[in-house]
Amino acid sequence: MKTRTPKYRNHVITAIDAAKLSIEMFNRVDSVHSQQASLTFNAQAWELFAKGILIRAHKNIYNRDGTTITAEQAVNRLQHVLNLISSEENKTIQQIISLRNEALHGILPKIDQEIITHLLYYSLKTFHHLLKEKFKSYFPSFDKNYLSIAFKEYTF
């Protein structure tokens, strides 16, 4: 007998992979494009993760023309439709998506490392929490310690 694969599965697994790549890109020793790559993978993780959560909650992720909703819309629905993230968490994730869009469609301006560190840390902390809460069977693949060494003092 063939086992049925849930529709959200590929979204969640790919989101986990993208979140890990976001961490890996952030921690690159050679920092050429590491901010852009980290933001891109983090935004991808959130877009797919939010859509996976929405699919599992039986919420539509498609527009009338057959395209899927944007990352911004998917994450907003986590706050406003499912009440899974706070306004502050949503703002943090939306900022990452906005920076990703700037990096992909223009030239990302120089951003202080502390700001990027703050955004990614709180984004991934929320990702970790939601993964544990909503997808326990996938959680062990992300519940690890990811070493990052900073020699600067940050204010957060």
C-alpha atoms as a PDB file:
ATOM      1  CA  MET A   1       0.000   0.000   0.000  1.00  0.00           C
ATOM      2  CA  LYS A   2       1.382   3.376  -1.035  1.00  0.00           C
ATOM      3  CA  THR A   3       1.703   6.037   1.666  1.00  0.00           C
ATOM      4  CA  ARG A   4       0.183   9.426   0.906  1.00  0.00           C
ATOM      5  CA  THR A   5       2.624  12.340   1.135  1.00  0.00           C
ATOM      6  CA  PRO A   6       1.129  15.496   2.664  1.00  0.00           C
ATOM      7  CA  LYS A   7       1.045  18.467   0.251  1.00  0.00           C
ATOM      8  CA  TYR A   8       2.940  20.674   2.687  1.00  0.00           C
ATOM      9  CA  ARG A   9       5.855  18.232   3.102  1.00  0.00           C
ATOM     10  CA  ASN A  10       8.069  19.512   0.264  1.00  0.00           C
ATOM     11  CA  HIS A  11       7.480  23.103   1.333  1.00  0.00           C
ATOM     12  CA  VAL A  12       8.602  22.371   4.890  1.00  0.00           C
ATOM     13  CA  ILE A  13      11.616  20.227   3.967  1.00  0.00           C
ATOM     14  CA  THR A  14      12.857  22.788   1.444  1.00  0.00           C
ATOM     15  CA  ALA A  15      12.252  25.582   3.973  1.00  0.00           C
ATOM     16  CA  ILE A  16      14.433  23.775   6.513  1.00  0.00           C
ATOM     17  CA  ASP A  17      17.187  23.341   3.919  1.00  0.00           C
ATOM     18  CA  ALA A  18      16.982  27.034   2.996  1.00  0.00           C
ATOM     19  CA  ALA A  19      17.109  28.084   6.665  1.00  0.00           C
ATOM     20  CA  LYS A  20      20.261  25.999   7.143  1.00  0.00           C
ATOM     21  CA  LEU A  21      21.805  27.534   4.021  1.00  0.00           C
ATOM     22  CA  SER A  22      20.947  30.971   5.392  1.00  0.00           C
ATOM     23  CA  ILE A  23      23.004  30.169   8.489  1.00  0.00           C
ATOM     24  CA  GLU A  24      25.806  28.674   6.408  1.00  0.00           C
ATOM     25  CA  MET A  25      25.993  31.734   4.139  1.00  0.00           C
ATOM     26  CA  PHE A  26      25.941  34.086   7.125  1.00  0.00           C
ATOM     27  CA  ASN A  27      28.849  32.209   8.725  1.00  0.00           C
ATOM     28  CA  ARG A  28      31.014  32.136   5.591  1.00  0.00           C
ATOM     29  CA  VAL A  29      34.590  33.124   6.286  1.00  0.00           C
ATOM     30  CA  ASP A  30      34.844  34.629   2.809  1.00  0.00           C
ATOM     31  CA  SER A  31      32.167  37.274   3.127  1.00  0.00           C
ATOM     32  CA  VAL A  32      31.725  38.071  -0.576  1.00  0.00           C
ATOM     33  CA  HIS A  33      27.962  38.231  -1.064  1.00  0.00           C
ATOM     34  CA  SER A  34      27.353  36.402   2.211  1.00  0.00           C
ATOM     35  CA  GLN A  35      24.774  38.966   3.390  1.00  0.00           C
ATOM     36  CA  GLN A  36      22.841  38.778   0.123  1.00  0.00           C
ATOM     37  CA  ALA A  37      22.969  34.978   0.064  1.00  0.00           C
ATOM     38  CA  SER A  38      21.951  34.699   3.704  1.00  0.00           C
ATOM     39  CA  LEU A  39      19.003  37.078   3.222  1.00  0.00           C
ATOM     40  CA  THR A  40      17.941  35.274   0.050  1.00  0.00           C
ATOM     41  CA  PHE A  41      17.923  31.836   1.657  1.00  0.00           C
ATOM     42  CA  ASN A  42      16.238  33.133   4.826  1.00  0.00           C
ATOM     43  CA  ALA A  43      13.460  34.784   2.802  1.00  0.00           C
ATOM     44  CA  GLN A  44      13.036  31.607   0.749  1.00  0.00           C
ATOM     45  CA  ALA A  45      12.808  29.589   3.951  1.00  0.00           C
ATOM     46  CA  TRP A  46      10.061  31.839   5.265  1.00  0.00           C
ATOM     47  CA  GLU A  47       8.109  31.902   2.026  1.00  0.00           C
ATOM     48  CA  LEU A  48       8.045  28.118   1.738  1.00  0.00           C
ATOM     49  CA  PHE A  49       7.545  27.546   5.462  1.00  0.00           C
ATOM     50  CA  ALA A  50       4.628  29.990   5.629  1.00  0.00           C
ATOM     51  CA  LYS A  51       3.025  28.382   2.581  1.00  0.00           C
ATOM     52  CA  GLY A  52       3.529  24.917   4.092  1.00  0.00           C
ATOM     53  CA  ILE A  53       1.832  26.034   7.302  1.00  0.00           C
ATOM     54  CA  LEU A  54      -1.035  27.569   5.329  1.00  0.00           C
ATOM     55  CA  ILE A  55      -1.476  24.400   3.239  1.00  0.00           C
ATOM     56  CA  ARG A  56      -1.550  22.281   6.382  1.00  0.00           C
ATOM     57  CA  ALA A  57      -4.184  24.633   7.854  1.00  0.00           C
ATOM     58  CA  HIS A  58      -6.237  24.213   4.645  1.00  0.00           C
ATOM     59  CA  LYS A  59      -5.767  27.851   3.626  1.00  0.00           C
ATOM     60  CA  ASN A  60      -5.527  28.785  -0.035  1.00  0.00           C
ATOM     61  CA  ILE A  61      -2.087  29.897  -1.235  1.00  0.00           C
ATOM     62  CA  TYR A  62      -3.128  30.551  -4.841  1.00  0.00           C
ATOM     63  CA  ASN A  63      -4.209  33.703  -6.615  1.00  0.00           C
ATOM     64  CA  ARG A  64      -7.014  33.645  -9.174  1.00  0.00           C
ATOM     65  CA  ASP A  65      -4.485  33.441 -12.007  1.00  0.00           C
ATOM     66  CA  GLY A  66      -2.970  30.243 -10.584  1.00  0.00           C
ATOM     67  CA  THR A  67       0.209  31.813  -9.224  1.00  0.00           C
ATOM     68  CA  THR A  68       0.993  31.469  -5.544  1.00  0.00           C
ATOM     69  CA  ILE A  69       0.757  34.338  -3.095  1.00  0.00           C
ATOM     70  CA  THR A  70       3.905  36.315  -2.379  1.00  0.00           C
ATOM     71  CA  ALA A  71       6.251  35.716   0.534  1.00  0.00           C
ATOM     72  CA  GLU A  72       4.957  38.923   2.133  1.00  0.00           C
ATOM     73  CA  GLN A  73       1.346  37.755   1.877  1.00  0.00           C
ATOM     74  CA  ALA A  74       2.115  34.271   3.185  1.00  0.00           C
ATOM     75  CA  VAL A  75       3.965  35.596   6.240  1.00  0.00           C
ATOM     76  CA  ASN A  76       1.265  38.210   6.899  1.00  0.00           C
ATOM     77  CA  ARG A  77      -1.309  35.409   6.981  1.00  0.00           C
ATOM     78  CA  LEU A  78       0.707  33.670   9.703  1.00  0.00           C
ATOM     79  CA  GLN A  79       0.040  36.724  11.866  1.00  0.00           C
ATOM     80  CA  HIS A  80      -3.379  37.947  10.744  1.00  0.00           C
ATOM     81  CA  VAL A  81      -5.177  34.715   9.764  1.00  0.00           C
ATOM     82  CA  LEU A  82      -3.583  31.987  11.887  1.00  0.00           C
ATOM     83  CA  ASN A  83      -2.273  34.144  14.780  1.00  0.00           C
ATOM     84  CA  LEU A  84       0.972  32.168  14.887  1.00  0.00           C
ATOM     85  CA  ILE A  85       3.475  35.024  14.948  1.00  0.00           C
ATOM     86  CA  SER A  86       3.481  38.397  16.639  1.00  0.00           C
ATOM     87  CA  SER A  87       3.542  41.768  14.936  1.00  0.00           C
ATOM     88  CA  GLU A  88       7.217  42.139  15.891  1.00  0.00           C
ATOM     89  CA  GLU A  89       8.101  38.752  14.432  1.00  0.00           C
ATOM     90  CA  ASN A  90       6.212  39.589  11.250  1.00  0.00           C
ATOM     91  CA  LYS A  91       8.045  42.925  10.931  1.00  0.00           C
ATOM     92  CA  THR A  92      11.417  41.197  11.319  1.00  0.00           C
ATOM     93  CA  ILE A  93      10.613  38.622   8.636  1.00  0.00           C
ATOM     94  CA  GLN A  94       9.120  41.280   6.327  1.00  0.00           C
ATOM     95  CA  GLN A  95      12.338  43.303   6.639  1.00  0.00           C
ATOM     96  CA  ILE A  96      14.356  40.272   5.551  1.00  0.00           C
ATOM     97  CA  ILE A  97      12.042  39.728   2.575  1.00  0.00           C
ATOM     98  CA  SER A  98      12.348  43.401   1.647  1.00  0.00           C
ATOM     99  CA  LEU A  99      16.150  43.256   1.820  1.00  0.00           C
ATOM    100  CA  ARG A 100      16.128  40.045  -0.239  1.00  0.00           C
ATOM    101  CA  ASN A 101      14.032  41.813  -2.876  1.00  0.00           C
ATOM    102  CA  GLU A 102      16.482  44.724  -2.906  1.00  0.00           C
ATOM    103  CA  ALA A 103      19.421  42.322  -3.257  1.00  0.00           C
ATOM    104  CA  LEU A 104      17.785  40.461  -6.146  1.00  0.00           C
ATOM    105  CA  HIS A 105      16.408  43.441  -8.072  1.00  0.00           C
ATOM    106  CA  GLY A 106      19.023  46.066  -7.348  1.00  0.00           C
ATOM    107  CA  ILE A 107      22.156  46.636  -5.356  1.00  0.00           C
ATOM    108  CA  LEU A 108      21.877  45.930  -1.668  1.00  0.00           C
ATOM    109  CA  PRO A 109      23.272  48.920   0.211  1.00  0.00           C
ATOM    110  CA  LYS A 110      25.921  48.366   2.881  1.00  0.00           C
ATOM    111  CA  ILE A 111      24.127  47.193   6.011  1.00  0.00           C
ATOM    112  CA  ASP A 112      25.771  47.098   9.405  1.00  0.00           C
ATOM    113  CA  GLN A 113      26.592  43.518  10.426  1.00  0.00           C
ATOM    114  CA  GLU A 114      24.791  44.000  13.741  1.00  0.00           C
ATOM    115  CA  ILE A 115      21.506  44.692  11.929  1.00  0.00           C
ATOM    116  CA  ILE A 116      21.848  41.597   9.738  1.00  0.00           C
ATOM    117  CA  THR A 117      22.799  39.522  12.784  1.00  0.00           C
ATOM    118  CA  HIS A 118      19.766  40.789  14.693  1.00  0.00           C
ATOM    119  CA  LEU A 119      17.328  40.148  11.831  1.00  0.00           C
ATOM    120  CA  LEU A 120      18.614  36.657  11.094  1.00  0.00           C
ATOM    121  CA  TYR A 121      18.850  35.627  14.738  1.00  0.00           C
ATOM    122  CA  TYR A 122      15.270  36.585  15.566  1.00  0.00           C
ATOM    123  CA  SER A 123      13.952  35.260  12.272  1.00  0.00           C
ATOM    124  CA  LEU A 124      15.572  31.871  12.822  1.00  0.00           C
ATOM    125  CA  LYS A 125      14.503  31.803  16.460  1.00  0.00           C
ATOM    126  CA  THR A 126      10.877  32.225  15.335  1.00  0.00           C
ATOM    127  CA  PHE A 127      11.370  29.627  12.588  1.00  0.00           C
ATOM    128  CA  HIS A 128      12.773  27.188  15.164  1.00  0.00           C
ATOM    129  CA  HIS A 129       9.843  27.781  17.535  1.00  0.00           C
ATOM    130  CA  LEU A 130       7.172  27.346  14.837  1.00  0.00           C
ATOM    131  CA  LEU A 131       8.846  24.251  13.413  1.00  0.00           C
ATOM    132  CA  LYS A 132       8.867  22.675  16.861  1.00  0.00           C
ATOM    133  CA  GLU A 133       5.240  23.638  17.469  1.00  0.00           C
ATOM    134  CA  LYS A 134       3.727  22.761  14.083  1.00  0.00           C
ATOM    135  CA  PHE A 135       5.983  20.085  12.566  1.00  0.00           C
ATOM    136  CA  LYS A 136       7.437  17.995  15.392  1.00  0.00           C
ATOM    137  CA  SER A 137       8.517  15.171  13.079  1.00  0.00           C
ATOM    138  CA  TYR A 138      10.682  17.553  11.019  1.00  0.00           C
ATOM    139  CA  PHE A 139      12.044  19.438  14.035  1.00  0.00           C
ATOM    140  CA  PRO A 140      15.064  17.176  14.819  1.00  0.00           C
ATOM    141  CA  SER A 141      16.625  17.997  11.444  1.00  0.00           C
ATOM    142  CA  PHE A 142      16.853  21.671  12.450  1.00  0.00           C
ATOM    143  CA  ASP A 143      17.278  21.484  16.225  1.00  0.00           C
ATOM    144  CA  LYS A 144      21.045  21.780  16.343  1.00  0.00           C
ATOM    145  CA  ASN A 145      23.633  24.279  17.501  1.00  0.00           C
ATOM    146  CA  TYR A 146      25.077  26.350  14.683  1.00  0.00           C
ATOM    147  CA  LEU A 147      28.373  27.923  15.705  1.00  0.00           C
ATOM    148  CA  SER A 148      28.906  31.564  14.896  1.00  0.00           C
ATOM    149  CA  ILE A 149      31.807  33.500  16.332  1.00  0.00           C
ATOM    150  CA  ALA A 150      31.686  37.269  16.611  1.00  0.00           C
ATOM    151  CA  PHE A 151      34.570  39.370  17.833  1.00  0.00           C
ATOM    152  CA  LYS A 152      32.524  42.559  17.943  1.00  0.00           C
ATOM    153  CA  GLU A 153      30.271  43.543  20.813  1.00  0.00           C
ATOM    154  CA  TYR A 154      26.636  43.769  19.735  1.00  0.00           C
ATOM    155  CA  THR A 155      23.991  45.767  21.558  1.00  0.00           C
ATOM    156  CA  PHE A 156      21.168  43.220  21.522  1.00  0.00           C
END
